[in-house]
Amino acid sequence: MLIETVPPTGEIVDPETDAGAARLRELYALPGPEYVRLNMITSLTGAAVGADGTSETLTSPVDRRILGVIRAAADVVLVGAQTVRAEGYVVPRRTRLAILTSSGELDGHRLRLSSAEERDRVLVLAPAASADAVRTRVGPSDLRVVPVEGDAHPAPSAVVAALHSEGLSRIVCEGGPSLATQFAAAGAVDEYCITVAPVLEPTVHPFLRLEPGRAPRTRVVGQLADDTGFTFLRLRPSA
């Protein structure tokens, strides 16, 4: 069960029912055709991963349900190659996947690209200067490489522009921490969807590494809490 605490309606949402699932889709509906969400999970201590070195030991069934709602509202899930390697990503069920990499090194993934249809749902974004090298490395998998303008570390605005050129304008960035930090510091995020897990973990890898003076100012536009202590925040940049 979920209860809406911001706004303080006290509304109860049961994500296991059709009505509850529909209500979650309403709460997480996008306000426009072009939108960038950052969706991350963190412990109470700010850690991006749990004891096994992945976010899997932080998440919960309700968190995964909300993740599915957020992904379904998007055109594309954007992740960095390091996260693909560490988390063993799979292709989302209803959304395309874009992987940002400068090397094309994707070992450790679980993408299961066994069919042309699955391969077509994955894009590899690479800095324009290294796009040919990345294409050579991933070529045997037939993944399409999309060049991103800029240097070896393209600006978030250039990454977003590359996705827009592919007709993908509703973007959910799932990190990892390095990519998430770049988007947050650049002011490239329209909405932050942050799950706070009620656990204490060593903060070796914080979910955002913000420097003094570069932290975005935000306001809370929604918060749900469940009966296991998880909270699900939605924040947007302050005016």
C-alpha atoms as a PDB file:
ATOM      1  CA  MET A   1       0.000   0.000   0.000  1.00  0.00           C
ATOM      2  CA  LEU A   2       1.069   3.575  -0.731  1.00  0.00           C
ATOM      3  CA  ILE A   3      -0.132   6.774   0.914  1.00  0.00           C
ATOM      4  CA  GLU A   4       0.219  10.199  -0.707  1.00  0.00           C
ATOM      5  CA  THR A   5       1.908  12.553   1.742  1.00  0.00           C
ATOM      6  CA  VAL A   6       2.763  15.398  -0.674  1.00  0.00           C
ATOM      7  CA  PRO A   7       0.358  16.882  -1.486  1.00  0.00           C
ATOM      8  CA  PRO A   8      -1.023  15.887   1.940  1.00  0.00           C
ATOM      9  CA  THR A   9      -4.120  14.152   0.623  1.00  0.00           C
ATOM     10  CA  GLY A  10      -3.623  10.942   2.565  1.00  0.00           C
ATOM     11  CA  GLU A  11      -4.882   9.080  -0.505  1.00  0.00           C
ATOM     12  CA  ILE A  12      -4.278   5.343  -0.377  1.00  0.00           C
ATOM     13  CA  VAL A  13      -2.991   3.722  -3.568  1.00  0.00           C
ATOM     14  CA  ASP A  14      -2.790  -0.039  -3.936  1.00  0.00           C
ATOM     15  CA  PRO A  15      -0.486  -0.688  -6.908  1.00  0.00           C
ATOM     16  CA  GLU A  16      -1.655  -4.311  -7.044  1.00  0.00           C
ATOM     17  CA  THR A  17      -5.135  -3.289  -8.216  1.00  0.00           C
ATOM     18  CA  ASP A  18      -6.157  -1.964 -11.622  1.00  0.00           C
ATOM     19  CA  ALA A  19      -7.406   1.254 -10.042  1.00  0.00           C
ATOM     20  CA  GLY A  20      -4.156   1.702  -8.111  1.00  0.00           C
ATOM     21  CA  ALA A  21      -2.036   1.069 -11.197  1.00  0.00           C
ATOM     22  CA  ALA A  22      -4.108   3.629 -13.123  1.00  0.00           C
ATOM     23  CA  ARG A  23      -3.630   6.157 -10.322  1.00  0.00           C
ATOM     24  CA  LEU A  24       0.145   5.665 -10.435  1.00  0.00           C
ATOM     25  CA  ARG A  25       0.090   6.307 -14.176  1.00  0.00           C
ATOM     26  CA  GLU A  26      -1.760   9.559 -13.483  1.00  0.00           C
ATOM     27  CA  LEU A  27       0.673  10.642 -10.789  1.00  0.00           C
ATOM     28  CA  TYR A  28       3.684   9.936 -13.001  1.00  0.00           C
ATOM     29  CA  ALA A  29       2.195  11.219 -16.272  1.00  0.00           C
ATOM     30  CA  LEU A  30       4.502  13.569 -18.153  1.00  0.00           C
ATOM     31  CA  PRO A  31       3.367  17.197 -18.476  1.00  0.00           C
ATOM     32  CA  GLY A  32       4.753  17.679 -21.991  1.00  0.00           C
ATOM     33  CA  PRO A  33       6.144  15.983 -25.098  1.00  0.00           C
ATOM     34  CA  GLU A  34       9.765  16.888 -24.275  1.00  0.00           C
ATOM     35  CA  TYR A  35      10.853  15.939 -20.786  1.00  0.00           C
ATOM     36  CA  VAL A  36      13.918  14.630 -18.971  1.00  0.00           C
ATOM     37  CA  ARG A  37      13.445  12.628 -15.813  1.00  0.00           C
ATOM     38  CA  LEU A  38      16.180  11.370 -13.534  1.00  0.00           C
ATOM     39  CA  ASN A  39      15.125   8.182 -11.767  1.00  0.00           C
ATOM     40  CA  MET A  40      17.413   6.918  -8.997  1.00  0.00           C
ATOM     41  CA  ILE A  41      17.319   4.977  -5.743  1.00  0.00           C
ATOM     42  CA  THR A  42      19.315   5.821  -2.630  1.00  0.00           C
ATOM     43  CA  SER A  43      19.742   4.565   0.891  1.00  0.00           C
ATOM     44  CA  LEU A  44      19.132   6.899   3.833  1.00  0.00           C
ATOM     45  CA  THR A  45      22.871   7.541   3.809  1.00  0.00           C
ATOM     46  CA  GLY A  46      22.940   8.493   0.125  1.00  0.00           C
ATOM     47  CA  ALA A  47      24.396   5.248  -1.230  1.00  0.00           C
ATOM     48  CA  ALA A  48      23.494   4.309  -4.791  1.00  0.00           C
ATOM     49  CA  VAL A  49      24.093   0.588  -4.242  1.00  0.00           C
ATOM     50  CA  GLY A  50      23.544  -2.031  -1.583  1.00  0.00           C
ATOM     51  CA  ALA A  51      25.727  -4.757  -0.129  1.00  0.00           C
ATOM     52  CA  ASP A  52      26.137  -6.586  -3.451  1.00  0.00           C
ATOM     53  CA  GLY A  53      27.436  -3.493  -5.257  1.00  0.00           C
ATOM     54  CA  THR A  54      24.228  -2.982  -7.259  1.00  0.00           C
ATOM     55  CA  SER A  55      20.919  -1.225  -6.684  1.00  0.00           C
ATOM     56  CA  GLU A  56      19.163  -4.599  -6.592  1.00  0.00           C
ATOM     57  CA  THR A  57      19.676  -4.898  -2.839  1.00  0.00           C
ATOM     58  CA  LEU A  58      18.146  -1.458  -2.258  1.00  0.00           C
ATOM     59  CA  THR A  59      15.006  -1.858  -4.338  1.00  0.00           C
ATOM     60  CA  SER A  60      11.599  -3.320  -3.440  1.00  0.00           C
ATOM     61  CA  PRO A  61       8.562  -4.723  -5.279  1.00  0.00           C
ATOM     62  CA  VAL A  62       6.753  -1.363  -5.048  1.00  0.00           C
ATOM     63  CA  ASP A  63       9.847   0.476  -6.274  1.00  0.00           C
ATOM     64  CA  ARG A  64      10.042  -1.860  -9.263  1.00  0.00           C
ATOM     65  CA  ARG A  65       6.343  -1.276  -9.946  1.00  0.00           C
ATOM     66  CA  ILE A  66       6.859   2.489  -9.983  1.00  0.00           C
ATOM     67  CA  LEU A  67       9.969   2.034 -12.135  1.00  0.00           C
ATOM     68  CA  GLY A  68       7.777   0.261 -14.690  1.00  0.00           C
ATOM     69  CA  VAL A  69       5.293   3.146 -14.664  1.00  0.00           C
ATOM     70  CA  ILE A  70       8.063   5.710 -15.154  1.00  0.00           C
ATOM     71  CA  ARG A  71       9.594   3.728 -18.001  1.00  0.00           C
ATOM     72  CA  ALA A  72       6.239   3.220 -19.701  1.00  0.00           C
ATOM     73  CA  ALA A  73       5.738   6.991 -19.795  1.00  0.00           C
ATOM     74  CA  ALA A  74       9.092   7.500 -21.540  1.00  0.00           C
ATOM     75  CA  ASP A  75      10.336   7.024 -25.080  1.00  0.00           C
ATOM     76  CA  VAL A  76      13.781   5.905 -23.977  1.00  0.00           C
ATOM     77  CA  VAL A  77      15.760   4.835 -20.916  1.00  0.00           C
ATOM     78  CA  LEU A  78      19.216   6.423 -20.854  1.00  0.00           C
ATOM     79  CA  VAL A  79      22.090   4.805 -18.938  1.00  0.00           C
ATOM     80  CA  GLY A  80      25.852   4.956 -18.872  1.00  0.00           C
ATOM     81  CA  ALA A  81      27.898   1.969 -19.993  1.00  0.00           C
ATOM     82  CA  GLN A  82      29.406   1.549 -16.520  1.00  0.00           C
ATOM     83  CA  THR A  83      25.923   0.976 -15.115  1.00  0.00           C
ATOM     84  CA  VAL A  84      25.149  -1.533 -17.870  1.00  0.00           C
ATOM     85  CA  ARG A  85      28.274  -3.467 -16.930  1.00  0.00           C
ATOM     86  CA  ALA A  86      27.697  -3.284 -13.172  1.00  0.00           C
ATOM     87  CA  GLU A  87      23.946  -3.850 -13.083  1.00  0.00           C
ATOM     88  CA  GLY A  88      23.662  -6.336 -15.954  1.00  0.00           C
ATOM     89  CA  TYR A  89      20.942  -4.350 -17.704  1.00  0.00           C
ATOM     90  CA  VAL A  90      18.170  -5.981 -19.719  1.00  0.00           C
ATOM     91  CA  VAL A  91      16.153  -4.296 -22.461  1.00  0.00           C
ATOM     92  CA  PRO A  92      13.067  -2.606 -20.959  1.00  0.00           C
ATOM     93  CA  ARG A  93       9.810  -4.264 -21.948  1.00  0.00           C
ATOM     94  CA  ARG A  94       8.072  -1.295 -23.562  1.00  0.00           C
ATOM     95  CA  THR A  95      10.749   1.358 -23.906  1.00  0.00           C
ATOM     96  CA  ARG A  96      13.898   1.745 -25.944  1.00  0.00           C
ATOM     97  CA  LEU A  97      17.307   1.741 -24.273  1.00  0.00           C
ATOM     98  CA  ALA A  98      20.127   4.198 -25.004  1.00  0.00           C
ATOM     99  CA  ILE A  99      23.619   3.454 -23.667  1.00  0.00           C
ATOM    100  CA  LEU A 100      26.179   6.258 -23.481  1.00  0.00           C
ATOM    101  CA  THR A 101      29.741   5.008 -23.937  1.00  0.00           C
ATOM    102  CA  SER A 102      33.078   6.335 -25.123  1.00  0.00           C
ATOM    103  CA  SER A 103      34.667   2.901 -25.543  1.00  0.00           C
ATOM    104  CA  GLY A 104      31.903   0.516 -26.603  1.00  0.00           C
ATOM    105  CA  GLU A 105      32.814  -1.767 -23.696  1.00  0.00           C
ATOM    106  CA  LEU A 106      29.525  -3.406 -22.674  1.00  0.00           C
ATOM    107  CA  ASP A 107      30.752  -6.684 -21.203  1.00  0.00           C
ATOM    108  CA  GLY A 108      28.573  -7.914 -18.359  1.00  0.00           C
ATOM    109  CA  HIS A 109      25.235  -6.837 -19.801  1.00  0.00           C
ATOM    110  CA  ARG A 110      22.209  -9.112 -19.964  1.00  0.00           C
ATOM    111  CA  LEU A 111      20.583  -7.500 -22.976  1.00  0.00           C
ATOM    112  CA  ARG A 112      19.801 -10.815 -24.678  1.00  0.00           C
ATOM    113  CA  LEU A 113      19.954  -9.278 -28.158  1.00  0.00           C
ATOM    114  CA  SER A 114      18.914 -12.456 -29.909  1.00  0.00           C
ATOM    115  CA  SER A 115      16.526 -10.938 -32.427  1.00  0.00           C
ATOM    116  CA  ALA A 116      16.546  -8.013 -34.843  1.00  0.00           C
ATOM    117  CA  GLU A 117      13.622  -6.502 -32.965  1.00  0.00           C
ATOM    118  CA  GLU A 118      15.513  -6.505 -29.672  1.00  0.00           C
ATOM    119  CA  ARG A 119      18.626  -5.054 -31.286  1.00  0.00           C
ATOM    120  CA  ASP A 120      16.559  -2.276 -32.871  1.00  0.00           C
ATOM    121  CA  ARG A 121      15.369  -1.213 -29.428  1.00  0.00           C
ATOM    122  CA  VAL A 122      18.902  -0.460 -28.242  1.00  0.00           C
ATOM    123  CA  LEU A 123      20.929   2.584 -29.280  1.00  0.00           C
ATOM    124  CA  VAL A 124      24.566   3.174 -28.441  1.00  0.00           C
ATOM    125  CA  LEU A 125      25.430   6.849 -28.009  1.00  0.00           C
ATOM    126  CA  ALA A 126      29.100   7.677 -28.506  1.00  0.00           C
ATOM    127  CA  PRO A 127      31.146  10.886 -28.726  1.00  0.00           C
ATOM    128  CA  ALA A 128      31.431  11.825 -32.388  1.00  0.00           C
ATOM    129  CA  ALA A 129      35.230  11.559 -32.287  1.00  0.00           C
ATOM    130  CA  SER A 130      35.141   7.942 -31.091  1.00  0.00           C
ATOM    131  CA  ALA A 131      31.936   6.802 -32.833  1.00  0.00           C
ATOM    132  CA  ASP A 132      33.813   4.773 -35.468  1.00  0.00           C
ATOM    133  CA  ALA A 133      35.873   2.953 -32.832  1.00  0.00           C
ATOM    134  CA  VAL A 134      32.764   2.224 -30.789  1.00  0.00           C
ATOM    135  CA  ARG A 135      30.958   1.026 -33.911  1.00  0.00           C
ATOM    136  CA  THR A 136      33.799  -1.399 -34.613  1.00  0.00           C
ATOM    137  CA  ARG A 137      33.674  -2.768 -31.096  1.00  0.00           C
ATOM    138  CA  VAL A 138      29.896  -3.303 -30.940  1.00  0.00           C
ATOM    139  CA  GLY A 139      29.531  -4.069 -34.650  1.00  0.00           C
ATOM    140  CA  PRO A 140      29.144  -7.831 -34.296  1.00  0.00           C
ATOM    141  CA  SER A 141      26.003  -7.279 -32.195  1.00  0.00           C
ATOM    142  CA  ASP A 142      24.474  -5.074 -34.924  1.00  0.00           C
ATOM    143  CA  LEU A 143      23.686  -2.333 -32.445  1.00  0.00           C
ATOM    144  CA  ARG A 144      23.270   1.080 -34.051  1.00  0.00           C
ATOM    145  CA  VAL A 145      25.733   3.732 -32.924  1.00  0.00           C
ATOM    146  CA  VAL A 146      24.501   7.334 -32.775  1.00  0.00           C
ATOM    147  CA  PRO A 147      27.234  10.032 -32.673  1.00  0.00           C
ATOM    148  CA  VAL A 148      26.932  12.734 -30.011  1.00  0.00           C
ATOM    149  CA  GLU A 149      28.463  16.109 -30.687  1.00  0.00           C
ATOM    150  CA  GLY A 150      31.189  17.319 -28.353  1.00  0.00           C
ATOM    151  CA  ASP A 151      34.382  16.001 -26.815  1.00  0.00           C
ATOM    152  CA  ALA A 152      35.076  12.694 -25.077  1.00  0.00           C
ATOM    153  CA  HIS A 153      32.533  13.616 -22.405  1.00  0.00           C
ATOM    154  CA  PRO A 154      29.541  15.097 -24.249  1.00  0.00           C
ATOM    155  CA  ALA A 155      27.410  17.643 -22.445  1.00  0.00           C
ATOM    156  CA  PRO A 156      23.972  16.483 -21.329  1.00  0.00           C
ATOM    157  CA  SER A 157      22.424  18.944 -23.778  1.00  0.00           C
ATOM    158  CA  ALA A 158      24.241  17.189 -26.633  1.00  0.00           C
ATOM    159  CA  VAL A 159      23.084  13.774 -25.402  1.00  0.00           C
ATOM    160  CA  VAL A 160      19.492  15.015 -25.252  1.00  0.00           C
ATOM    161  CA  ALA A 161      19.827  16.531 -28.739  1.00  0.00           C
ATOM    162  CA  ALA A 162      21.081  13.207 -30.119  1.00  0.00           C
ATOM    163  CA  LEU A 163      18.066  11.401 -28.662  1.00  0.00           C
ATOM    164  CA  HIS A 164      15.715  14.063 -30.013  1.00  0.00           C
ATOM    165  CA  SER A 165      17.222  13.497 -33.468  1.00  0.00           C
ATOM    166  CA  GLU A 166      16.046   9.882 -33.138  1.00  0.00           C
ATOM    167  CA  GLY A 167      12.515  11.006 -32.270  1.00  0.00           C
ATOM    168  CA  LEU A 168      13.029  10.191 -28.587  1.00  0.00           C
ATOM    169  CA  SER A 169      11.984  13.262 -26.620  1.00  0.00           C
ATOM    170  CA  ARG A 170      10.636  11.778 -23.382  1.00  0.00           C
ATOM    171  CA  ILE A 171      13.781  10.618 -21.614  1.00  0.00           C
ATOM    172  CA  VAL A 172      14.316   8.898 -18.284  1.00  0.00           C
ATOM    173  CA  CYS A 173      17.934   8.824 -17.172  1.00  0.00           C
ATOM    174  CA  GLU A 174      18.690   5.991 -14.753  1.00  0.00           C
ATOM    175  CA  GLY A 175      22.310   6.874 -14.125  1.00  0.00           C
ATOM    176  CA  GLY A 176      24.567   5.613 -12.806  1.00  0.00           C
ATOM    177  CA  PRO A 177      25.865   8.229 -10.403  1.00  0.00           C
ATOM    178  CA  SER A 178      28.365   9.804 -12.825  1.00  0.00           C
ATOM    179  CA  LEU A 179      25.839  10.348 -15.595  1.00  0.00           C
ATOM    180  CA  ALA A 180      23.147  11.409 -13.113  1.00  0.00           C
ATOM    181  CA  THR A 181      25.509  13.956 -11.572  1.00  0.00           C
ATOM    182  CA  GLN A 182      26.361  15.404 -14.979  1.00  0.00           C
ATOM    183  CA  PHE A 183      22.692  15.887 -15.807  1.00  0.00           C
ATOM    184  CA  ALA A 184      21.868  17.381 -12.410  1.00  0.00           C
ATOM    185  CA  ALA A 185      24.851  19.757 -12.376  1.00  0.00           C
ATOM    186  CA  ALA A 186      24.053  20.933 -15.907  1.00  0.00           C
ATOM    187  CA  GLY A 187      20.450  21.725 -15.015  1.00  0.00           C
ATOM    188  CA  ALA A 188      19.301  19.246 -17.660  1.00  0.00           C
ATOM    189  CA  VAL A 189      16.688  17.514 -15.463  1.00  0.00           C
ATOM    190  CA  ASP A 190      13.017  18.481 -15.540  1.00  0.00           C
ATOM    191  CA  GLU A 191      12.011  16.111 -12.762  1.00  0.00           C
ATOM    192  CA  TYR A 192      13.790  13.966 -10.194  1.00  0.00           C
ATOM    193  CA  CYS A 193      12.131  10.692  -9.200  1.00  0.00           C
ATOM    194  CA  ILE A 194      14.024   9.532  -6.133  1.00  0.00           C
ATOM    195  CA  THR A 195      13.279   6.380  -4.171  1.00  0.00           C
ATOM    196  CA  VAL A 196      14.640   6.483  -0.626  1.00  0.00           C
ATOM    197  CA  ALA A 197      15.174   3.002   0.810  1.00  0.00           C
ATOM    198  CA  PRO A 198      14.935   2.718   4.618  1.00  0.00           C
ATOM    199  CA  VAL A 199      18.395   1.217   5.031  1.00  0.00           C
ATOM    200  CA  LEU A 200      21.815   2.417   6.127  1.00  0.00           C
ATOM    201  CA  GLU A 201      24.637   1.604   3.707  1.00  0.00           C
ATOM    202  CA  PRO A 202      28.242   2.793   3.470  1.00  0.00           C
ATOM    203  CA  THR A 203      28.280   5.701   1.035  1.00  0.00           C
ATOM    204  CA  VAL A 204      31.151   4.595  -1.164  1.00  0.00           C
ATOM    205  CA  HIS A 205      29.164   5.459  -4.277  1.00  0.00           C
ATOM    206  CA  PRO A 206      26.726   8.331  -3.575  1.00  0.00           C
ATOM    207  CA  PHE A 207      23.800   8.454  -5.983  1.00  0.00           C
ATOM    208  CA  LEU A 208      24.697  12.088  -6.773  1.00  0.00           C
ATOM    209  CA  ARG A 209      28.137  13.659  -6.373  1.00  0.00           C
ATOM    210  CA  LEU A 210      27.221  17.328  -6.263  1.00  0.00           C
ATOM    211  CA  GLU A 211      29.841  19.999  -5.684  1.00  0.00           C
ATOM    212  CA  PRO A 212      29.248  23.077  -3.521  1.00  0.00           C
ATOM    213  CA  GLY A 213      27.527  25.753  -5.536  1.00  0.00           C
ATOM    214  CA  ARG A 214      26.428  23.338  -8.257  1.00  0.00           C
ATOM    215  CA  ALA A 215      23.552  21.616  -6.523  1.00  0.00           C
ATOM    216  CA  PRO A 216      20.213  22.261  -8.269  1.00  0.00           C
ATOM    217  CA  ARG A 217      17.498  23.918  -6.220  1.00  0.00           C
ATOM    218  CA  THR A 218      14.344  21.844  -6.199  1.00  0.00           C
ATOM    219  CA  ARG A 219      10.846  21.735  -4.776  1.00  0.00           C
ATOM    220  CA  VAL A 220       8.848  18.673  -3.831  1.00  0.00           C
ATOM    221  CA  VAL A 221       5.849  18.133  -6.106  1.00  0.00           C
ATOM    222  CA  GLY A 222       4.884  14.673  -4.888  1.00  0.00           C
ATOM    223  CA  GLN A 223       5.730  12.068  -2.307  1.00  0.00           C
ATOM    224  CA  LEU A 224       4.394   8.594  -1.676  1.00  0.00           C
ATOM    225  CA  ALA A 225       5.292   6.375   1.263  1.00  0.00           C
ATOM    226  CA  ASP A 226       4.613   2.682   1.735  1.00  0.00           C
ATOM    227  CA  ASP A 227       4.150   0.519   4.792  1.00  0.00           C
ATOM    228  CA  THR A 228       7.709  -0.855   4.598  1.00  0.00           C
ATOM    229  CA  GLY A 229       9.321   2.580   5.049  1.00  0.00           C
ATOM    230  CA  PHE A 230      10.179   3.378   1.430  1.00  0.00           C
ATOM    231  CA  THR A 231       9.449   6.884   0.178  1.00  0.00           C
ATOM    232  CA  PHE A 232       9.045   7.899  -3.438  1.00  0.00           C
ATOM    233  CA  LEU A 233       9.837  11.547  -4.114  1.00  0.00           C
ATOM    234  CA  ARG A 234       9.201  13.692  -7.161  1.00  0.00           C
ATOM    235  CA  LEU A 235      11.111  16.971  -7.291  1.00  0.00           C
ATOM    236  CA  ARG A 236      11.283  19.688  -9.914  1.00  0.00           C
ATOM    237  CA  PRO A 237      13.664  22.594 -10.285  1.00  0.00           C
ATOM    238  CA  SER A 238      12.670  25.683  -8.313  1.00  0.00           C
ATOM    239  CA  ALA A 239      11.906  28.861 -10.212  1.00  0.00           C
END
